[in-house]
Amino acid sequence: MAEPINLNTANPKELTQLPGIAKNVAYNIASHRKRHGYFTHWEELLQVKEFPDKALAQIKKRARLLPIEGVRPEEFGPRRIRKQHLDRAAKKPKGYTKAIRSTRSSDRLKRSA
């Protein structure tokens, strides 16, 4: 079996070896890590754009969230995500859908007062 991949140090090419991770998602993971800091919990990966949340269980088997060498654990950081935040983010719509357009078109047809 292959060596586990550390998500905090892996480059995009190494990240594509994980199940369900395409090249664009690997680049999104690397840029999210650069902007927001190292990953401390698995749920933080769900904030990455286009991350396949259904593949998280398989990724946990092949990857690790280890601290970086030379960084003390207290500097590595506390958990950045709260459960309430994850619940709130899951309820948001995915974007501008046909249902939203259909509700707004009737507003445009109304006469202004």
PDB file of N, CA and C in Angstrom:
ATOM      1  N   MET A   1       0.837  -1.186   0.000  1.00  0.00           N
ATOM      2  CA  MET A   1       0.000   0.000   0.000  1.00  0.00           C
ATOM      3  C   MET A   1       0.876   1.242   0.000  1.00  0.00           C
ATOM      4  N   ALA A   2       0.408   2.268  -0.644  1.00  0.00           N
ATOM      5  CA  ALA A   2       1.180   3.497  -0.777  1.00  0.00           C
ATOM      6  C   ALA A   2       1.252   4.237   0.553  1.00  0.00           C
ATOM      7  N   GLU A   3       2.258   5.073   0.653  1.00  0.00           N
ATOM      8  CA  GLU A   3       2.456   5.910   1.844  1.00  0.00           C
ATOM      9  C   GLU A   3       1.301   6.906   1.958  1.00  0.00           C
ATOM     10  N   PRO A   4       0.764   7.147   3.170  1.00  0.00           N
ATOM     11  CA  PRO A   4      -0.307   8.145   3.320  1.00  0.00           C
ATOM     12  C   PRO A   4       0.179   9.540   2.936  1.00  0.00           C
ATOM     13  N   ILE A   5      -0.706  10.316   2.345  1.00  0.00           N
ATOM     14  CA  ILE A   5      -0.384  11.661   1.875  1.00  0.00           C
ATOM     15  C   ILE A   5      -0.778  12.668   2.951  1.00  0.00           C
ATOM     16  N   ASN A   6       0.141  13.550   3.300  1.00  0.00           N
ATOM     17  CA  ASN A   6      -0.144  14.615   4.259  1.00  0.00           C
ATOM     18  C   ASN A   6      -0.779  15.773   3.491  1.00  0.00           C
ATOM     19  N   LEU A   7      -2.018  16.085   3.783  1.00  0.00           N
ATOM     20  CA  LEU A   7      -2.742  17.132   3.071  1.00  0.00           C
ATOM     21  C   LEU A   7      -2.164  18.522   3.318  1.00  0.00           C
ATOM     22  N   ASN A   8      -1.402  18.688   4.372  1.00  0.00           N
ATOM     23  CA  ASN A   8      -0.835  20.000   4.691  1.00  0.00           C
ATOM     24  C   ASN A   8       0.481  20.275   3.980  1.00  0.00           C
ATOM     25  N   THR A   9       1.098  19.251   3.380  1.00  0.00           N
ATOM     26  CA  THR A   9       2.365  19.460   2.684  1.00  0.00           C
ATOM     27  C   THR A   9       2.331  18.995   1.242  1.00  0.00           C
ATOM     28  N   ALA A  10       1.299  18.292   0.832  1.00  0.00           N
ATOM     29  CA  ALA A  10       1.250  17.704  -0.508  1.00  0.00           C
ATOM     30  C   ALA A  10       1.051  18.770  -1.576  1.00  0.00           C
ATOM     31  N   ASN A  11       1.720  18.564  -2.707  1.00  0.00           N
ATOM     32  CA  ASN A  11       1.504  19.456  -3.840  1.00  0.00           C
ATOM     33  C   ASN A  11       0.308  18.935  -4.653  1.00  0.00           C
ATOM     34  N   PRO A  12      -0.206  19.724  -5.599  1.00  0.00           N
ATOM     35  CA  PRO A  12      -1.389  19.292  -6.347  1.00  0.00           C
ATOM     36  C   PRO A  12      -1.219  17.957  -7.080  1.00  0.00           C
ATOM     37  N   LYS A  13      -0.014  17.678  -7.556  1.00  0.00           N
ATOM     38  CA  LYS A  13       0.211  16.404  -8.254  1.00  0.00           C
ATOM     39  C   LYS A  13       0.017  15.218  -7.306  1.00  0.00           C
ATOM     40  N   GLU A  14       0.480  15.345  -6.074  1.00  0.00           N
ATOM     41  CA  GLU A  14       0.293  14.278  -5.085  1.00  0.00           C
ATOM     42  C   GLU A  14      -1.170  14.163  -4.673  1.00  0.00           C
ATOM     43  N   LEU A  15      -1.862  15.295  -4.594  1.00  0.00           N
ATOM     44  CA  LEU A  15      -3.266  15.277  -4.175  1.00  0.00           C
ATOM     45  C   LEU A  15      -4.159  14.577  -5.189  1.00  0.00           C
ATOM     46  N   THR A  16      -3.777  14.581  -6.459  1.00  0.00           N
ATOM     47  CA  THR A  16      -4.599  13.917  -7.468  1.00  0.00           C
ATOM     48  C   THR A  16      -4.577  12.404  -7.324  1.00  0.00           C
ATOM     49  N   GLN A  17      -3.670  11.868  -6.527  1.00  0.00           N
ATOM     50  CA  GLN A  17      -3.624  10.424  -6.294  1.00  0.00           C
ATOM     51  C   GLN A  17      -4.708   9.970  -5.321  1.00  0.00           C
ATOM     52  N   LEU A  18      -5.341  10.911  -4.637  1.00  0.00           N
ATOM     53  CA  LEU A  18      -6.409  10.572  -3.704  1.00  0.00           C
ATOM     54  C   LEU A  18      -7.695  10.279  -4.469  1.00  0.00           C
ATOM     55  N   PRO A  19      -8.541   9.387  -3.953  1.00  0.00           N
ATOM     56  CA  PRO A  19      -9.787   9.046  -4.665  1.00  0.00           C
ATOM     57  C   PRO A  19     -10.748  10.228  -4.711  1.00  0.00           C
ATOM     58  N   GLY A  20     -11.261  10.517  -5.898  1.00  0.00           N
ATOM     59  CA  GLY A  20     -12.243  11.572  -6.065  1.00  0.00           C
ATOM     60  C   GLY A  20     -11.661  12.962  -6.227  1.00  0.00           C
ATOM     61  N   ILE A  21     -10.341  13.092  -6.236  1.00  0.00           N
ATOM     62  CA  ILE A  21      -9.703  14.402  -6.351  1.00  0.00           C
ATOM     63  C   ILE A  21      -9.165  14.574  -7.774  1.00  0.00           C
ATOM     64  N   ALA A  22      -9.782  15.484  -8.516  1.00  0.00           N
ATOM     65  CA  ALA A  22      -9.321  15.814  -9.859  1.00  0.00           C
ATOM     66  C   ALA A  22      -8.272  16.915  -9.771  1.00  0.00           C
ATOM     67  N   LYS A  23      -7.701  17.259 -10.923  1.00  0.00           N
ATOM     68  CA  LYS A  23      -6.627  18.253 -10.943  1.00  0.00           C
ATOM     69  C   LYS A  23      -7.109  19.615 -10.458  1.00  0.00           C
ATOM     70  N   ASN A  24      -8.306  20.032 -10.880  1.00  0.00           N
ATOM     71  CA  ASN A  24      -8.797  21.349 -10.461  1.00  0.00           C
ATOM     72  C   ASN A  24      -9.094  21.386  -8.964  1.00  0.00           C
ATOM     73  N   VAL A  25      -9.594  20.286  -8.403  1.00  0.00           N
ATOM     74  CA  VAL A  25      -9.858  20.234  -6.963  1.00  0.00           C
ATOM     75  C   VAL A  25      -8.538  20.235  -6.186  1.00  0.00           C
ATOM     76  N   ALA A  26      -7.524  19.571  -6.716  1.00  0.00           N
ATOM     77  CA  ALA A  26      -6.211  19.564  -6.059  1.00  0.00           C
ATOM     78  C   ALA A  26      -5.637  20.977  -5.987  1.00  0.00           C
ATOM     79  N   TYR A  27      -5.771  21.746  -7.078  1.00  0.00           N
ATOM     80  CA  TYR A  27      -5.305  23.132  -7.048  1.00  0.00           C
ATOM     81  C   TYR A  27      -6.143  23.969  -6.083  1.00  0.00           C
ATOM     82  N   ASN A  28      -7.441  23.688  -5.996  1.00  0.00           N
ATOM     83  CA  ASN A  28      -8.298  24.411  -5.047  1.00  0.00           C
ATOM     84  C   ASN A  28      -7.888  24.120  -3.604  1.00  0.00           C
ATOM     85  N   ILE A  29      -7.527  22.876  -3.317  1.00  0.00           N
ATOM     86  CA  ILE A  29      -7.086  22.508  -1.968  1.00  0.00           C
ATOM     87  C   ILE A  29      -5.794  23.246  -1.627  1.00  0.00           C
ATOM     88  N   ALA A  30      -4.852  23.259  -2.563  1.00  0.00           N
ATOM     89  CA  ALA A  30      -3.565  23.921  -2.306  1.00  0.00           C
ATOM     90  C   ALA A  30      -3.746  25.427  -2.122  1.00  0.00           C
ATOM     91  N   SER A  31      -4.604  26.055  -2.922  1.00  0.00           N
ATOM     92  CA  SER A  31      -4.782  27.493  -2.765  1.00  0.00           C
ATOM     93  C   SER A  31      -5.573  27.830  -1.506  1.00  0.00           C
ATOM     94  N   HIS A  32      -6.524  26.977  -1.118  1.00  0.00           N
ATOM     95  CA  HIS A  32      -7.270  27.186   0.133  1.00  0.00           C
ATOM     96  C   HIS A  32      -6.323  27.083   1.322  1.00  0.00           C
ATOM     97  N   ARG A  33      -5.422  26.114   1.257  1.00  0.00           N
ATOM     98  CA  ARG A  33      -4.444  25.926   2.328  1.00  0.00           C
ATOM     99  C   ARG A  33      -3.518  27.134   2.426  1.00  0.00           C
ATOM    100  N   LYS A  34      -3.155  27.716   1.286  1.00  0.00           N
ATOM    101  CA  LYS A  34      -2.269  28.880   1.281  1.00  0.00           C
ATOM    102  C   LYS A  34      -2.978  30.114   1.844  1.00  0.00           C
ATOM    103  N   ARG A  35      -4.265  30.287   1.520  1.00  0.00           N
ATOM    104  CA  ARG A  35      -5.007  31.471   1.965  1.00  0.00           C
ATOM    105  C   ARG A  35      -5.471  31.372   3.408  1.00  0.00           C
ATOM    106  N   HIS A  36      -5.921  30.186   3.839  1.00  0.00           N
ATOM    107  CA  HIS A  36      -6.564  30.045   5.147  1.00  0.00           C
ATOM    108  C   HIS A  36      -5.728  29.319   6.189  1.00  0.00           C
ATOM    109  N   GLY A  37      -4.598  28.796   5.809  1.00  0.00           N
ATOM    110  CA  GLY A  37      -3.762  28.080   6.770  1.00  0.00           C
ATOM    111  C   GLY A  37      -3.940  26.576   6.647  1.00  0.00           C
ATOM    112  N   TYR A  38      -3.204  25.870   7.456  1.00  0.00           N
ATOM    113  CA  TYR A  38      -3.196  24.409   7.394  1.00  0.00           C
ATOM    114  C   TYR A  38      -4.515  23.829   7.874  1.00  0.00           C
ATOM    115  N   PHE A  39      -4.817  22.633   7.373  1.00  0.00           N
ATOM    116  CA  PHE A  39      -6.026  21.925   7.791  1.00  0.00           C
ATOM    117  C   PHE A  39      -5.780  21.253   9.134  1.00  0.00           C
ATOM    118  N   THR A  40      -6.712  21.425  10.057  1.00  0.00           N
ATOM    119  CA  THR A  40      -6.589  20.797  11.369  1.00  0.00           C
ATOM    120  C   THR A  40      -7.647  19.722  11.587  1.00  0.00           C
ATOM    121  N   HIS A  41      -8.774  19.785  10.869  1.00  0.00           N
ATOM    122  CA  HIS A  41      -9.838  18.796  10.984  1.00  0.00           C
ATOM    123  C   HIS A  41     -10.379  18.483   9.599  1.00  0.00           C
ATOM    124  N   TRP A  42     -10.894  17.294   9.448  1.00  0.00           N
ATOM    125  CA  TRP A  42     -11.378  16.837   8.150  1.00  0.00           C
ATOM    126  C   TRP A  42     -12.525  17.686   7.621  1.00  0.00           C
ATOM    127  N   GLU A  43     -13.352  18.229   8.499  1.00  0.00           N
ATOM    128  CA  GLU A  43     -14.500  19.011   8.054  1.00  0.00           C
ATOM    129  C   GLU A  43     -14.080  20.297   7.338  1.00  0.00           C
ATOM    130  N   GLU A  44     -12.861  20.762   7.585  1.00  0.00           N
ATOM    131  CA  GLU A  44     -12.385  21.961   6.919  1.00  0.00           C
ATOM    132  C   GLU A  44     -12.230  21.753   5.423  1.00  0.00           C
ATOM    133  N   LEU A  45     -12.030  20.515   4.999  1.00  0.00           N
ATOM    134  CA  LEU A  45     -11.916  20.237   3.571  1.00  0.00           C
ATOM    135  C   LEU A  45     -13.222  20.507   2.838  1.00  0.00           C
ATOM    136  N   LEU A  46     -14.329  20.433   3.549  1.00  0.00           N
ATOM    137  CA  LEU A  46     -15.623  20.662   2.920  1.00  0.00           C
ATOM    138  C   LEU A  46     -15.801  22.119   2.492  1.00  0.00           C
ATOM    139  N   GLN A  47     -14.975  23.019   3.001  1.00  0.00           N
ATOM    140  CA  GLN A  47     -15.044  24.422   2.599  1.00  0.00           C
ATOM    141  C   GLN A  47     -14.341  24.683   1.277  1.00  0.00           C
ATOM    142  N   VAL A  48     -13.533  23.726   0.816  1.00  0.00           N
ATOM    143  CA  VAL A  48     -12.811  23.893  -0.435  1.00  0.00           C
ATOM    144  C   VAL A  48     -13.800  23.828  -1.594  1.00  0.00           C
ATOM    145  N   LYS A  49     -13.652  24.739  -2.523  1.00  0.00           N
ATOM    146  CA  LYS A  49     -14.550  24.816  -3.674  1.00  0.00           C
ATOM    147  C   LYS A  49     -14.472  23.528  -4.491  1.00  0.00           C
ATOM    148  N   GLU A  50     -15.631  22.973  -4.848  1.00  0.00           N
ATOM    149  CA  GLU A  50     -15.793  21.772  -5.669  1.00  0.00           C
ATOM    150  C   GLU A  50     -15.270  20.504  -4.997  1.00  0.00           C
ATOM    151  N   PHE A  51     -15.067  20.507  -3.682  1.00  0.00           N
ATOM    152  CA  PHE A  51     -14.570  19.313  -3.000  1.00  0.00           C
ATOM    153  C   PHE A  51     -15.657  18.247  -2.970  1.00  0.00           C
ATOM    154  N   PRO A  52     -15.343  17.000  -3.340  1.00  0.00           N
ATOM    155  CA  PRO A  52     -16.358  15.935  -3.345  1.00  0.00           C
ATOM    156  C   PRO A  52     -16.610  15.407  -1.933  1.00  0.00           C
ATOM    157  N   ASP A  53     -17.641  15.920  -1.278  1.00  0.00           N
ATOM    158  CA  ASP A  53     -17.893  15.548   0.108  1.00  0.00           C
ATOM    159  C   ASP A  53     -18.224  14.067   0.271  1.00  0.00           C
ATOM    160  N   LYS A  54     -18.704  13.412  -0.777  1.00  0.00           N
ATOM    161  CA  LYS A  54     -19.016  11.982  -0.679  1.00  0.00           C
ATOM    162  C   LYS A  54     -17.750  11.121  -0.650  1.00  0.00           C
ATOM    163  N   ALA A  55     -16.642  11.661  -1.119  1.00  0.00           N
ATOM    164  CA  ALA A  55     -15.391  10.914  -1.152  1.00  0.00           C
ATOM    165  C   ALA A  55     -14.555  11.120   0.106  1.00  0.00           C
ATOM    166  N   LEU A  56     -15.063  11.874   1.069  1.00  0.00           N
ATOM    167  CA  LEU A  56     -14.273  12.196   2.264  1.00  0.00           C
ATOM    168  C   LEU A  56     -13.891  10.945   3.056  1.00  0.00           C
ATOM    169  N   ALA A  57     -14.796   9.989   3.156  1.00  0.00           N
ATOM    170  CA  ALA A  57     -14.494   8.765   3.915  1.00  0.00           C
ATOM    171  C   ALA A  57     -13.354   7.981   3.273  1.00  0.00           C
ATOM    172  N   GLN A  58     -13.322   7.930   1.951  1.00  0.00           N
ATOM    173  CA  GLN A  58     -12.232   7.223   1.264  1.00  0.00           C
ATOM    174  C   GLN A  58     -10.922   7.997   1.364  1.00  0.00           C
ATOM    175  N   ILE A  59     -11.020   9.313   1.351  1.00  0.00           N
ATOM    176  CA  ILE A  59      -9.816  10.138   1.446  1.00  0.00           C
ATOM    177  C   ILE A  59      -9.183  10.000   2.819  1.00  0.00           C
ATOM    178  N   LYS A  60     -10.002   9.863   3.859  1.00  0.00           N
ATOM    179  CA  LYS A  60      -9.472   9.703   5.222  1.00  0.00           C
ATOM    180  C   LYS A  60      -8.602   8.460   5.340  1.00  0.00           C
ATOM    181  N   LYS A  61      -8.891   7.425   4.554  1.00  0.00           N
ATOM    182  CA  LYS A  61      -8.105   6.188   4.608  1.00  0.00           C
ATOM    183  C   LYS A  61      -6.741   6.353   3.961  1.00  0.00           C
ATOM    184  N   ARG A  62      -6.618   7.248   2.989  1.00  0.00           N
ATOM    185  CA  ARG A  62      -5.382   7.393   2.222  1.00  0.00           C
ATOM    186  C   ARG A  62      -4.570   8.624   2.573  1.00  0.00           C
ATOM    187  N   ALA A  63      -5.128   9.532   3.403  1.00  0.00           N
ATOM    188  CA  ALA A  63      -4.441  10.793   3.694  1.00  0.00           C
ATOM    189  C   ALA A  63      -4.357  11.028   5.196  1.00  0.00           C
ATOM    190  N   ARG A  64      -3.517  11.967   5.575  1.00  0.00           N
ATOM    191  CA  ARG A  64      -3.334  12.344   6.973  1.00  0.00           C
ATOM    192  C   ARG A  64      -3.348  13.866   7.080  1.00  0.00           C
ATOM    193  N   LEU A  65      -3.689  14.362   8.263  1.00  0.00           N
ATOM    194  CA  LEU A  65      -3.627  15.787   8.571  1.00  0.00           C
ATOM    195  C   LEU A  65      -2.567  15.994   9.648  1.00  0.00           C
ATOM    196  N   LEU A  66      -1.326  15.848   9.266  1.00  0.00           N
ATOM    197  CA  LEU A  66      -0.219  15.946  10.205  1.00  0.00           C
ATOM    198  C   LEU A  66       0.307  17.372  10.268  1.00  0.00           C
ATOM    199  N   PRO A  67       0.808  17.789  11.438  1.00  0.00           N
ATOM    200  CA  PRO A  67       1.426  19.126  11.535  1.00  0.00           C
ATOM    201  C   PRO A  67       2.696  19.191  10.696  1.00  0.00           C
ATOM    202  N   ILE A  68       3.080  20.372  10.369  1.00  0.00           N
ATOM    203  CA  ILE A  68       4.275  20.603   9.571  1.00  0.00           C
ATOM    204  C   ILE A  68       5.500  20.497  10.474  1.00  0.00           C
ATOM    205  N   GLU A  69       6.606  19.972   9.928  1.00  0.00           N
ATOM    206  CA  GLU A  69       7.841  19.865  10.712  1.00  0.00           C
ATOM    207  C   GLU A  69       8.328  21.256  11.100  1.00  0.00           C
ATOM    208  N   GLY A  70       8.733  21.397  12.331  1.00  0.00           N
ATOM    209  CA  GLY A  70       9.238  22.672  12.819  1.00  0.00           C
ATOM    210  C   GLY A  70       8.154  23.590  13.374  1.00  0.00           C
ATOM    211  N   VAL A  71       6.884  23.200  13.255  1.00  0.00           N
ATOM    212  CA  VAL A  71       5.785  24.010  13.779  1.00  0.00           C
ATOM    213  C   VAL A  71       5.257  23.316  15.029  1.00  0.00           C
ATOM    214  N   ARG A  72       5.213  24.055  16.123  1.00  0.00           N
ATOM    215  CA  ARG A  72       4.703  23.477  17.358  1.00  0.00           C
ATOM    216  C   ARG A  72       3.201  23.239  17.237  1.00  0.00           C
ATOM    217  N   PRO A  73       2.658  22.231  17.928  1.00  0.00           N
ATOM    218  CA  PRO A  73       1.223  21.937  17.823  1.00  0.00           C
ATOM    219  C   PRO A  73       0.323  23.094  18.223  1.00  0.00           C
ATOM    220  N   GLU A  74       0.738  23.894  19.203  1.00  0.00           N
ATOM    221  CA  GLU A  74      -0.107  25.024  19.595  1.00  0.00           C
ATOM    222  C   GLU A  74      -0.122  26.125  18.525  1.00  0.00           C
ATOM    223  N   GLU A  75       0.943  26.208  17.715  1.00  0.00           N
ATOM    224  CA  GLU A  75       0.965  27.158  16.612  1.00  0.00           C
ATOM    225  C   GLU A  75       0.176  26.652  15.409  1.00  0.00           C
ATOM    226  N   PHE A  76      -0.037  25.361  15.370  1.00  0.00           N
ATOM    227  CA  PHE A  76      -0.748  24.749  14.253  1.00  0.00           C
ATOM    228  C   PHE A  76      -2.185  25.244  14.198  1.00  0.00           C
ATOM    229  N   GLY A  77      -2.736  25.549  15.348  1.00  0.00           N
ATOM    230  CA  GLY A  77      -4.029  26.221  15.365  1.00  0.00           C
ATOM    231  C   GLY A  77      -5.164  25.363  15.885  1.00  0.00           C
ATOM    232  N   PRO A  78      -6.165  26.013  16.462  1.00  0.00           N
ATOM    233  CA  PRO A  78      -7.339  25.297  16.950  1.00  0.00           C
ATOM    234  C   PRO A  78      -8.298  25.020  15.794  1.00  0.00           C
ATOM    235  N   ARG A  79      -9.339  24.316  16.097  1.00  0.00           N
ATOM    236  CA  ARG A  79     -10.355  24.030  15.093  1.00  0.00           C
ATOM    237  C   ARG A  79     -11.018  25.334  14.659  1.00  0.00           C
ATOM    238  N   ARG A  80     -11.109  25.545  13.349  1.00  0.00           N
ATOM    239  CA  ARG A  80     -11.627  26.798  12.823  1.00  0.00           C
ATOM    240  C   ARG A  80     -13.105  26.721  12.443  1.00  0.00           C
ATOM    241  N   ILE A  81     -13.676  25.552  12.462  1.00  0.00           N
ATOM    242  CA  ILE A  81     -15.063  25.394  12.005  1.00  0.00           C
ATOM    243  C   ILE A  81     -15.929  24.955  13.170  1.00  0.00           C
ATOM    244  N   ARG A  82     -17.092  25.564  13.257  1.00  0.00           N
ATOM    245  CA  ARG A  82     -18.077  25.137  14.243  1.00  0.00           C
ATOM    246  C   ARG A  82     -19.177  24.390  13.523  1.00  0.00           C
ATOM    247  N   LYS A  83     -19.852  23.496  14.240  1.00  0.00           N
ATOM    248  CA  LYS A  83     -20.910  22.701  13.629  1.00  0.00           C
ATOM    249  C   LYS A  83     -22.029  23.587  13.096  1.00  0.00           C
ATOM    250  N   GLN A  84     -22.341  24.677  13.789  1.00  0.00           N
ATOM    251  CA  GLN A  84     -23.399  25.566  13.317  1.00  0.00           C
ATOM    252  C   GLN A  84     -23.049  26.153  11.954  1.00  0.00           C
ATOM    253  N   HIS A  85     -21.776  26.453  11.742  1.00  0.00           N
ATOM    254  CA  HIS A  85     -21.355  27.006  10.465  1.00  0.00           C
ATOM    255  C   HIS A  85     -21.553  25.996   9.342  1.00  0.00           C
ATOM    256  N   LEU A  86     -21.219  24.738   9.602  1.00  0.00           N
ATOM    257  CA  LEU A  86     -21.399  23.712   8.585  1.00  0.00           C
ATOM    258  C   LEU A  86     -22.865  23.518   8.250  1.00  0.00           C
ATOM    259  N   ASP A  87     -23.743  23.546   9.264  1.00  0.00           N
ATOM    260  CA  ASP A  87     -25.175  23.398   9.013  1.00  0.00           C
ATOM    261  C   ASP A  87     -25.704  24.567   8.199  1.00  0.00           C
ATOM    262  N   ARG A  88     -25.258  25.765   8.517  1.00  0.00           N
ATOM    263  CA  ARG A  88     -25.724  26.953   7.814  1.00  0.00           C
ATOM    264  C   ARG A  88     -25.229  26.944   6.364  1.00  0.00           C
ATOM    265  N   ALA A  89     -23.997  26.520   6.143  1.00  0.00           N
ATOM    266  CA  ALA A  89     -23.448  26.491   4.791  1.00  0.00           C
ATOM    267  C   ALA A  89     -24.131  25.426   3.943  1.00  0.00           C
ATOM    268  N   ALA A  90     -24.561  24.340   4.555  1.00  0.00           N
ATOM    269  CA  ALA A  90     -25.218  23.275   3.799  1.00  0.00           C
ATOM    270  C   ALA A  90     -26.595  23.699   3.308  1.00  0.00           C
ATOM    271  N   LYS A  91     -27.226  24.642   3.958  1.00  0.00           N
ATOM    272  CA  LYS A  91     -28.567  25.061   3.590  1.00  0.00           C
ATOM    273  C   LYS A  91     -28.581  26.118   2.488  1.00  0.00           C
ATOM    274  N   LYS A  92     -27.434  26.693   2.154  1.00  0.00           N
ATOM    275  CA  LYS A  92     -27.393  27.731   1.137  1.00  0.00           C
ATOM    276  C   LYS A  92     -27.646  27.134  -0.249  1.00  0.00           C
ATOM    277  N   PRO A  93     -28.303  27.879  -1.122  1.00  0.00           N
ATOM    278  CA  PRO A  93     -28.510  27.379  -2.480  1.00  0.00           C
ATOM    279  C   PRO A  93     -27.191  27.331  -3.246  1.00  0.00           C
ATOM    280  N   LYS A  94     -27.127  26.476  -4.231  1.00  0.00           N
ATOM    281  CA  LYS A  94     -25.897  26.278  -4.991  1.00  0.00           C
ATOM    282  C   LYS A  94     -25.598  27.411  -5.960  1.00  0.00           C
ATOM    283  N   GLY A  95     -26.572  28.230  -6.267  1.00  0.00           N
ATOM    284  CA  GLY A  95     -26.316  29.322  -7.194  1.00  0.00           C
ATOM    285  C   GLY A  95     -27.615  29.829  -7.779  1.00  0.00           C
ATOM    286  N   TYR A  96     -27.492  30.467  -8.871  1.00  0.00           N
ATOM    287  CA  TYR A  96     -28.654  31.070  -9.510  1.00  0.00           C
ATOM    288  C   TYR A  96     -29.362  29.990 -10.311  1.00  0.00           C
ATOM    289  N   THR A  97     -30.381  29.371  -9.747  1.00  0.00           N
ATOM    290  CA  THR A  97     -31.049  28.239 -10.377  1.00  0.00           C
ATOM    291  C   THR A  97     -32.277  28.683 -11.152  1.00  0.00           C
ATOM    292  N   LYS A  98     -32.838  27.744 -11.889  1.00  0.00           N
ATOM    293  CA  LYS A  98     -34.025  28.035 -12.684  1.00  0.00           C
ATOM    294  C   LYS A  98     -35.199  28.410 -11.783  1.00  0.00           C
ATOM    295  N   ALA A  99     -35.287  27.792 -10.620  1.00  0.00           N
ATOM    296  CA  ALA A  99     -36.369  28.102  -9.694  1.00  0.00           C
ATOM    297  C   ALA A  99     -36.287  29.555  -9.219  1.00  0.00           C
ATOM    298  N   ILE A 100     -35.093  30.035  -8.967  1.00  0.00           N
ATOM    299  CA  ILE A 100     -34.928  31.418  -8.536  1.00  0.00           C
ATOM    300  C   ILE A 100     -35.289  32.365  -9.674  1.00  0.00           C
ATOM    301  N   ARG A 101     -34.861  32.037 -10.905  1.00  0.00           N
ATOM    302  CA  ARG A 101     -35.192  32.883 -12.051  1.00  0.00           C
ATOM    303  C   ARG A 101     -36.692  32.962 -12.270  1.00  0.00           C
ATOM    304  N   SER A 102     -37.394  31.837 -12.118  1.00  0.00           N
ATOM    305  CA  SER A 102     -38.828  31.835 -12.382  1.00  0.00           C
ATOM    306  C   SER A 102     -39.579  32.671 -11.350  1.00  0.00           C
ATOM    307  N   THR A 103     -39.103  32.706 -10.123  1.00  0.00           N
ATOM    308  CA  THR A 103     -39.785  33.524  -9.117  1.00  0.00           C
ATOM    309  C   THR A 103     -39.518  34.998  -9.342  1.00  0.00           C
ATOM    310  N   ARG A 104     -38.385  35.324  -9.892  1.00  0.00           N
ATOM    311  CA  ARG A 104     -38.044  36.728 -10.083  1.00  0.00           C
ATOM    312  C   ARG A 104     -38.628  37.305 -11.374  1.00  0.00           C
ATOM    313  N   SER A 105     -38.905  36.466 -12.335  1.00  0.00           N
ATOM    314  CA  SER A 105     -39.435  36.997 -13.593  1.00  0.00           C
ATOM    315  C   SER A 105     -40.820  37.611 -13.388  1.00  0.00           C
ATOM    316  N   SER A 106     -41.607  37.052 -12.475  1.00  0.00           N
ATOM    317  CA  SER A 106     -42.915  37.639 -12.217  1.00  0.00           C
ATOM    318  C   SER A 106     -42.780  39.013 -11.573  1.00  0.00           C
ATOM    319  N   ASP A 107     -41.734  39.209 -10.791  1.00  0.00           N
ATOM    320  CA  ASP A 107     -41.503  40.526 -10.184  1.00  0.00           C
ATOM    321  C   ASP A 107     -41.176  41.573 -11.238  1.00  0.00           C
ATOM    322  N   ARG A 108     -40.469  41.171 -12.287  1.00  0.00           N
ATOM    323  CA  ARG A 108     -40.113  42.118 -13.346  1.00  0.00           C
ATOM    324  C   ARG A 108     -41.319  42.522 -14.169  1.00  0.00           C
ATOM    325  N   LEU A 109     -42.302  41.638 -14.262  1.00  0.00           N
ATOM    326  CA  LEU A 109     -43.480  41.919 -15.078  1.00  0.00           C
ATOM    327  C   LEU A 109     -44.481  42.810 -14.374  1.00  0.00           C
ATOM    328  N   LYS A 110     -44.352  42.959 -13.063  1.00  0.00           N
ATOM    329  CA  LYS A 110     -45.284  43.806 -12.318  1.00  0.00           C
ATOM    330  C   LYS A 110     -45.054  45.271 -12.676  1.00  0.00           C
ATOM    331  N   ARG A 111     -46.137  46.002 -12.679  1.00  0.00           N
ATOM    332  CA  ARG A 111     -46.028  47.424 -12.973  1.00  0.00           C
ATOM    333  C   ARG A 111     -45.529  48.155 -11.725  1.00  0.00           C
ATOM    334  N   SER A 112     -44.723  49.132 -11.919  1.00  0.00           N
ATOM    335  CA  SER A 112     -44.240  49.910 -10.776  1.00  0.00           C
ATOM    336  C   SER A 112     -45.305  50.923 -10.351  1.00  0.00           C
ATOM    337  N   ALA A 113     -45.331  51.216  -9.078  1.00  0.00           N
ATOM    338  CA  ALA A 113     -46.359  52.112  -8.523  1.00  0.00           C
ATOM    339  C   ALA A 113     -46.018  53.554  -8.669  1.00  0.00           C
TER     340      ALA A 113
END
